[in-house]
Amino acid sequence: MKNEGDERDEQKRGNHQGSSILTSLVAGLGIGVIIGILLAPQSGEDTREWIATKYKDGMDSVNTRVKQTRQQVAQLIDRGQQQVNDTVNQVSDAVDAGREAFKKAKTAAS
């Protein structure tokens, strides 16, 4: 009869095998891409230029995404600050109205 410890050990082995297979697959794909680039029917200079262009395009894309994300975060922060300010103003108005009502009630009671 299996106990809980045995079942956990089997699950860990299964998870390890799955991650090992995935790691091997990614490594194999990377090696295949490198070999494909090195054996491509282009000169070394053309290959280096192609790699540099792809790298520059990738960096431009990342920089564009970062700028967009910064703008979105700045907009969210501005909206949040505005909501906080609006809430503070509403609370302040409510406190002022409460004080005024208290003064009137106090005056009327006198």
N, C-alpha and C. Protein backbone atom coordinates (compact mmCIF):
# COMPACT_ATOMS: atom_id res chain seq x y z
N MET A 1 0.83 -1.17 0.00
CA MET A 1 0.00 0.00 0.00
C MET A 1 0.88 1.25 0.00
N LYS A 2 0.57 2.20 -0.87
CA LYS A 2 1.36 3.42 -0.97
C LYS A 2 0.93 4.43 0.08
N ASN A 3 1.90 5.11 0.64
CA ASN A 3 1.55 6.18 1.56
C ASN A 3 1.72 7.53 0.86
N GLU A 4 1.39 8.61 1.55
CA GLU A 4 1.42 9.94 0.94
C GLU A 4 2.83 10.34 0.53
N GLY A 5 3.83 9.92 1.30
CA GLY A 5 5.23 10.24 0.97
C GLY A 5 5.65 9.63 -0.35
N ASP A 6 5.24 8.37 -0.59
CA ASP A 6 5.57 7.71 -1.85
C ASP A 6 4.91 8.41 -3.03
N GLU A 7 3.66 8.82 -2.84
CA GLU A 7 2.95 9.52 -3.92
C GLU A 7 3.63 10.85 -4.24
N ARG A 8 4.07 11.59 -3.20
CA ARG A 8 4.75 12.87 -3.44
C ARG A 8 6.07 12.64 -4.16
N ASP A 9 6.80 11.59 -3.79
CA ASP A 9 8.06 11.29 -4.46
C ASP A 9 7.83 11.00 -5.93
N GLU A 10 6.78 10.24 -6.24
CA GLU A 10 6.46 9.93 -7.63
C GLU A 10 6.10 11.20 -8.40
N GLN A 11 5.36 12.09 -7.77
CA GLN A 11 4.99 13.35 -8.43
C GLN A 11 6.24 14.20 -8.69
N LYS A 12 7.16 14.25 -7.73
CA LYS A 12 8.39 15.02 -7.91
C LYS A 12 9.20 14.46 -9.07
N ARG A 13 9.30 13.12 -9.14
CA ARG A 13 10.04 12.50 -10.24
C ARG A 13 9.37 12.82 -11.57
N GLY A 14 8.06 12.80 -11.60
CA GLY A 14 7.32 13.12 -12.83
C GLY A 14 7.53 14.56 -13.24
N ASN A 15 7.49 15.48 -12.27
CA ASN A 15 7.72 16.89 -12.56
C ASN A 15 9.14 17.11 -13.04
N HIS A 16 10.10 16.42 -12.42
CA HIS A 16 11.50 16.55 -12.80
C HIS A 16 11.71 16.06 -14.23
N GLN A 17 11.08 14.94 -14.57
CA GLN A 17 11.21 14.40 -15.92
C GLN A 17 10.61 15.36 -16.94
N GLY A 18 9.47 15.97 -16.61
CA GLY A 18 8.83 16.91 -17.52
C GLY A 18 9.69 18.14 -17.74
N SER A 19 10.29 18.69 -16.68
CA SER A 19 11.13 19.87 -16.83
C SER A 19 12.41 19.51 -17.55
N SER A 20 12.90 18.29 -17.32
CA SER A 20 14.11 17.84 -18.00
C SER A 20 13.87 17.72 -19.51
N ILE A 21 12.72 17.20 -19.89
CA ILE A 21 12.37 17.07 -21.30
C ILE A 21 12.24 18.45 -21.93
N LEU A 22 11.59 19.38 -21.22
CA LEU A 22 11.43 20.73 -21.74
C LEU A 22 12.77 21.43 -21.90
N THR A 23 13.65 21.27 -20.93
CA THR A 23 14.99 21.85 -21.01
C THR A 23 15.74 21.30 -22.21
N SER A 24 15.66 20.01 -22.40
CA SER A 24 16.33 19.37 -23.54
C SER A 24 15.76 19.89 -24.86
N LEU A 25 14.46 20.06 -24.92
CA LEU A 25 13.83 20.55 -26.14
C LEU A 25 14.31 21.97 -26.46
N VAL A 26 14.32 22.84 -25.45
CA VAL A 26 14.76 24.22 -25.66
C VAL A 26 16.22 24.26 -26.06
N ALA A 27 17.05 23.46 -25.40
CA ALA A 27 18.47 23.41 -25.75
C ALA A 27 18.65 22.92 -27.18
N GLY A 28 17.91 21.90 -27.56
CA GLY A 28 18.00 21.38 -28.93
C GLY A 28 17.57 22.41 -29.97
N LEU A 29 16.51 23.14 -29.67
CA LEU A 29 16.08 24.18 -30.60
C LEU A 29 17.14 25.27 -30.73
N GLY A 30 17.73 25.66 -29.60
CA GLY A 30 18.78 26.69 -29.64
C GLY A 30 19.98 26.22 -30.45
N ILE A 31 20.39 25.00 -30.23
CA ILE A 31 21.53 24.46 -30.99
C ILE A 31 21.19 24.39 -32.47
N GLY A 32 19.98 23.98 -32.78
CA GLY A 32 19.56 23.91 -34.19
C GLY A 32 19.57 25.27 -34.85
N VAL A 33 19.11 26.30 -34.14
CA VAL A 33 19.12 27.65 -34.70
C VAL A 33 20.54 28.11 -34.95
N ILE A 34 21.42 27.88 -33.98
CA ILE A 34 22.82 28.30 -34.14
C ILE A 34 23.47 27.58 -35.31
N ILE A 35 23.27 26.28 -35.42
CA ILE A 35 23.85 25.52 -36.54
C ILE A 35 23.26 26.01 -37.87
N GLY A 36 21.95 26.28 -37.87
CA GLY A 36 21.32 26.78 -39.09
C GLY A 36 21.90 28.11 -39.53
N ILE A 37 22.15 28.98 -38.58
CA ILE A 37 22.75 30.28 -38.92
C ILE A 37 24.17 30.11 -39.43
N LEU A 38 24.93 29.26 -38.75
CA LEU A 38 26.32 29.07 -39.14
C LEU A 38 26.45 28.39 -40.51
N LEU A 39 25.51 27.53 -40.84
CA LEU A 39 25.60 26.80 -42.11
C LEU A 39 24.76 27.44 -43.22
N ALA A 40 24.20 28.61 -42.93
CA ALA A 40 23.36 29.28 -43.92
C ALA A 40 24.20 29.64 -45.15
N PRO A 41 23.54 29.67 -46.31
CA PRO A 41 24.29 29.97 -47.55
C PRO A 41 24.56 31.46 -47.71
N GLN A 42 25.00 32.11 -46.65
CA GLN A 42 25.37 33.53 -46.70
C GLN A 42 26.81 33.66 -46.22
N SER A 43 27.42 34.77 -46.59
CA SER A 43 28.77 35.00 -46.10
C SER A 43 28.71 35.32 -44.62
N GLY A 44 29.84 35.23 -43.97
CA GLY A 44 29.90 35.54 -42.55
C GLY A 44 29.50 36.98 -42.28
N GLU A 45 29.90 37.87 -43.16
CA GLU A 45 29.57 39.29 -42.99
C GLU A 45 28.06 39.50 -43.10
N ASP A 46 27.44 38.84 -44.08
CA ASP A 46 25.98 38.95 -44.24
C ASP A 46 25.26 38.38 -43.02
N THR A 47 25.76 37.26 -42.52
CA THR A 47 25.14 36.63 -41.35
C THR A 47 25.27 37.55 -40.13
N ARG A 48 26.45 38.12 -39.92
CA ARG A 48 26.64 39.05 -38.80
C ARG A 48 25.74 40.26 -38.94
N GLU A 49 25.61 40.77 -40.16
CA GLU A 49 24.73 41.93 -40.39
C GLU A 49 23.28 41.56 -40.12
N TRP A 50 22.88 40.35 -40.53
CA TRP A 50 21.51 39.89 -40.29
C TRP A 50 21.24 39.78 -38.79
N ILE A 51 22.21 39.19 -38.06
CA ILE A 51 22.07 39.04 -36.61
C ILE A 51 21.99 40.41 -35.95
N ALA A 52 22.85 41.34 -36.36
CA ALA A 52 22.85 42.69 -35.78
C ALA A 52 21.52 43.40 -36.06
N THR A 53 20.99 43.23 -37.27
CA THR A 53 19.72 43.86 -37.61
C THR A 53 18.60 43.28 -36.76
N LYS A 54 18.57 41.96 -36.63
CA LYS A 54 17.53 41.32 -35.81
C LYS A 54 17.64 41.76 -34.36
N TYR A 55 18.87 41.87 -33.86
CA TYR A 55 19.08 42.31 -32.48
C TYR A 55 18.57 43.74 -32.31
N LYS A 56 18.93 44.62 -33.26
CA LYS A 56 18.50 46.02 -33.18
C LYS A 56 16.97 46.11 -33.25
N ASP A 57 16.36 45.35 -34.16
CA ASP A 57 14.90 45.34 -34.26
C ASP A 57 14.26 44.87 -32.95
N GLY A 58 14.83 43.83 -32.37
CA GLY A 58 14.31 43.33 -31.10
C GLY A 58 14.44 44.35 -29.99
N MET A 59 15.57 45.02 -29.92
CA MET A 59 15.78 46.04 -28.89
C MET A 59 14.83 47.23 -29.11
N ASP A 60 14.63 47.62 -30.37
CA ASP A 60 13.69 48.71 -30.66
C ASP A 60 12.28 48.32 -30.21
N SER A 61 11.90 47.09 -30.47
CA SER A 61 10.59 46.60 -30.07
C SER A 61 10.44 46.60 -28.56
N VAL A 62 11.46 46.13 -27.87
CA VAL A 62 11.43 46.12 -26.40
C VAL A 62 11.36 47.54 -25.86
N ASN A 63 12.17 48.45 -26.41
CA ASN A 63 12.15 49.84 -25.95
C ASN A 63 10.78 50.48 -26.18
N THR A 64 10.16 50.19 -27.31
CA THR A 64 8.82 50.73 -27.59
C THR A 64 7.83 50.22 -26.56
N ARG A 65 7.89 48.92 -26.26
CA ARG A 65 6.99 48.33 -25.27
C ARG A 65 7.21 48.95 -23.88
N VAL A 66 8.48 49.17 -23.54
CA VAL A 66 8.80 49.76 -22.24
C VAL A 66 8.22 51.17 -22.16
N LYS A 67 8.38 51.96 -23.22
CA LYS A 67 7.83 53.32 -23.23
C LYS A 67 6.31 53.30 -23.09
N GLN A 68 5.66 52.39 -23.82
CA GLN A 68 4.21 52.27 -23.73
C GLN A 68 3.78 51.89 -22.32
N THR A 69 4.49 50.96 -21.72
CA THR A 69 4.16 50.52 -20.37
C THR A 69 4.36 51.65 -19.38
N ARG A 70 5.44 52.41 -19.53
CA ARG A 70 5.68 53.56 -18.65
C ARG A 70 4.54 54.57 -18.76
N GLN A 71 4.11 54.83 -19.99
CA GLN A 71 3.02 55.79 -20.19
C GLN A 71 1.73 55.28 -19.53
N GLN A 72 1.45 54.00 -19.70
CA GLN A 72 0.25 53.42 -19.09
C GLN A 72 0.31 53.49 -17.57
N VAL A 73 1.48 53.19 -17.01
CA VAL A 73 1.63 53.25 -15.56
C VAL A 73 1.47 54.68 -15.07
N ALA A 74 2.06 55.64 -15.80
CA ALA A 74 1.94 57.05 -15.42
C ALA A 74 0.47 57.48 -15.45
N GLN A 75 -0.26 57.04 -16.46
CA GLN A 75 -1.68 57.37 -16.56
C GLN A 75 -2.47 56.76 -15.39
N LEU A 76 -2.16 55.51 -15.05
CA LEU A 76 -2.83 54.86 -13.93
C LEU A 76 -2.53 55.59 -12.62
N ILE A 77 -1.29 56.00 -12.44
CA ILE A 77 -0.91 56.73 -11.23
C ILE A 77 -1.65 58.06 -11.18
N ASP A 78 -1.70 58.76 -12.31
CA ASP A 78 -2.42 60.04 -12.34
C ASP A 78 -3.89 59.86 -12.00
N ARG A 79 -4.51 58.82 -12.58
CA ARG A 79 -5.92 58.55 -12.28
C ARG A 79 -6.12 58.22 -10.80
N GLY A 80 -5.22 57.42 -10.27
CA GLY A 80 -5.31 57.06 -8.86
C GLY A 80 -5.16 58.27 -7.96
N GLN A 81 -4.20 59.14 -8.29
CA GLN A 81 -4.02 60.36 -7.50
C GLN A 81 -5.25 61.25 -7.59
N GLN A 82 -5.83 61.34 -8.77
CA GLN A 82 -7.03 62.16 -8.94
C GLN A 82 -8.19 61.60 -8.11
N GLN A 83 -8.34 60.28 -8.12
CA GLN A 83 -9.40 59.65 -7.33
C GLN A 83 -9.18 59.89 -5.83
N VAL A 84 -7.94 59.79 -5.39
CA VAL A 84 -7.64 60.05 -3.98
C VAL A 84 -7.96 61.50 -3.64
N ASN A 85 -7.55 62.42 -4.50
CA ASN A 85 -7.83 63.84 -4.26
C ASN A 85 -9.33 64.10 -4.21
N ASP A 86 -10.06 63.49 -5.14
CA ASP A 86 -11.52 63.66 -5.16
C ASP A 86 -12.14 63.13 -3.87
N THR A 87 -11.68 61.97 -3.43
CA THR A 87 -12.21 61.37 -2.20
C THR A 87 -11.88 62.25 -0.99
N VAL A 88 -10.65 62.76 -0.94
CA VAL A 88 -10.26 63.63 0.17
C VAL A 88 -11.13 64.88 0.18
N ASN A 89 -11.38 65.44 -1.01
CA ASN A 89 -12.23 66.64 -1.09
C ASN A 89 -13.66 66.32 -0.63
N GLN A 90 -14.18 65.17 -1.02
CA GLN A 90 -15.53 64.79 -0.60
C GLN A 90 -15.60 64.60 0.91
N VAL A 91 -14.60 63.97 1.47
CA VAL A 91 -14.57 63.77 2.93
C VAL A 91 -14.45 65.12 3.63
N SER A 92 -13.61 65.97 3.10
CA SER A 92 -13.44 67.30 3.70
C SER A 92 -14.75 68.09 3.66
N ASP A 93 -15.44 68.02 2.51
CA ASP A 93 -16.74 68.70 2.38
C ASP A 93 -17.75 68.12 3.38
N ALA A 94 -17.74 66.80 3.54
CA ALA A 94 -18.67 66.16 4.46
C ALA A 94 -18.36 66.56 5.90
N VAL A 95 -17.08 66.65 6.25
CA VAL A 95 -16.69 67.06 7.60
C VAL A 95 -17.12 68.50 7.84
N ASP A 96 -16.89 69.37 6.85
CA ASP A 96 -17.31 70.77 6.98
C ASP A 96 -18.82 70.88 7.16
N ALA A 97 -19.57 70.11 6.37
CA ALA A 97 -21.03 70.13 6.47
C ALA A 97 -21.47 69.62 7.84
N GLY A 98 -20.81 68.59 8.35
CA GLY A 98 -21.12 68.06 9.67
C GLY A 98 -20.85 69.08 10.77
N ARG A 99 -19.73 69.79 10.67
CA ARG A 99 -19.41 70.83 11.65
C ARG A 99 -20.45 71.95 11.62
N GLU A 100 -20.82 72.34 10.41
CA GLU A 100 -21.81 73.41 10.25
C GLU A 100 -23.15 72.98 10.84
N ALA A 101 -23.55 71.74 10.58
CA ALA A 101 -24.81 71.24 11.13
C ALA A 101 -24.74 71.18 12.65
N PHE A 102 -23.58 70.79 13.19
CA PHE A 102 -23.42 70.73 14.63
C PHE A 102 -23.51 72.12 15.26
N LYS A 103 -22.89 73.10 14.60
CA LYS A 103 -22.96 74.48 15.10
C LYS A 103 -24.40 74.99 15.11
N LYS A 104 -25.10 74.69 14.02
CA LYS A 104 -26.51 75.14 13.94
C LYS A 104 -27.36 74.47 15.02
N ALA A 105 -27.13 73.16 15.20
CA ALA A 105 -27.89 72.42 16.22
C ALA A 105 -27.56 72.94 17.61
N LYS A 106 -26.30 73.25 17.85
CA LYS A 106 -25.87 73.76 19.14
C LYS A 106 -26.48 75.14 19.41
N THR A 107 -26.51 75.98 18.35
CA THR A 107 -27.08 77.31 18.47
C THR A 107 -28.57 77.22 18.70
N ALA A 108 -29.24 76.34 18.01
CA ALA A 108 -30.69 76.19 18.14
C ALA A 108 -31.05 75.65 19.52
N ALA A 109 -30.19 74.82 20.09
CA ALA A 109 -30.47 74.24 21.40
C ALA A 109 -30.25 75.28 22.53
N SER A 110 -29.49 76.31 22.26
CA SER A 110 -29.20 77.31 23.31
C SER A 110 -30.27 78.28 23.53
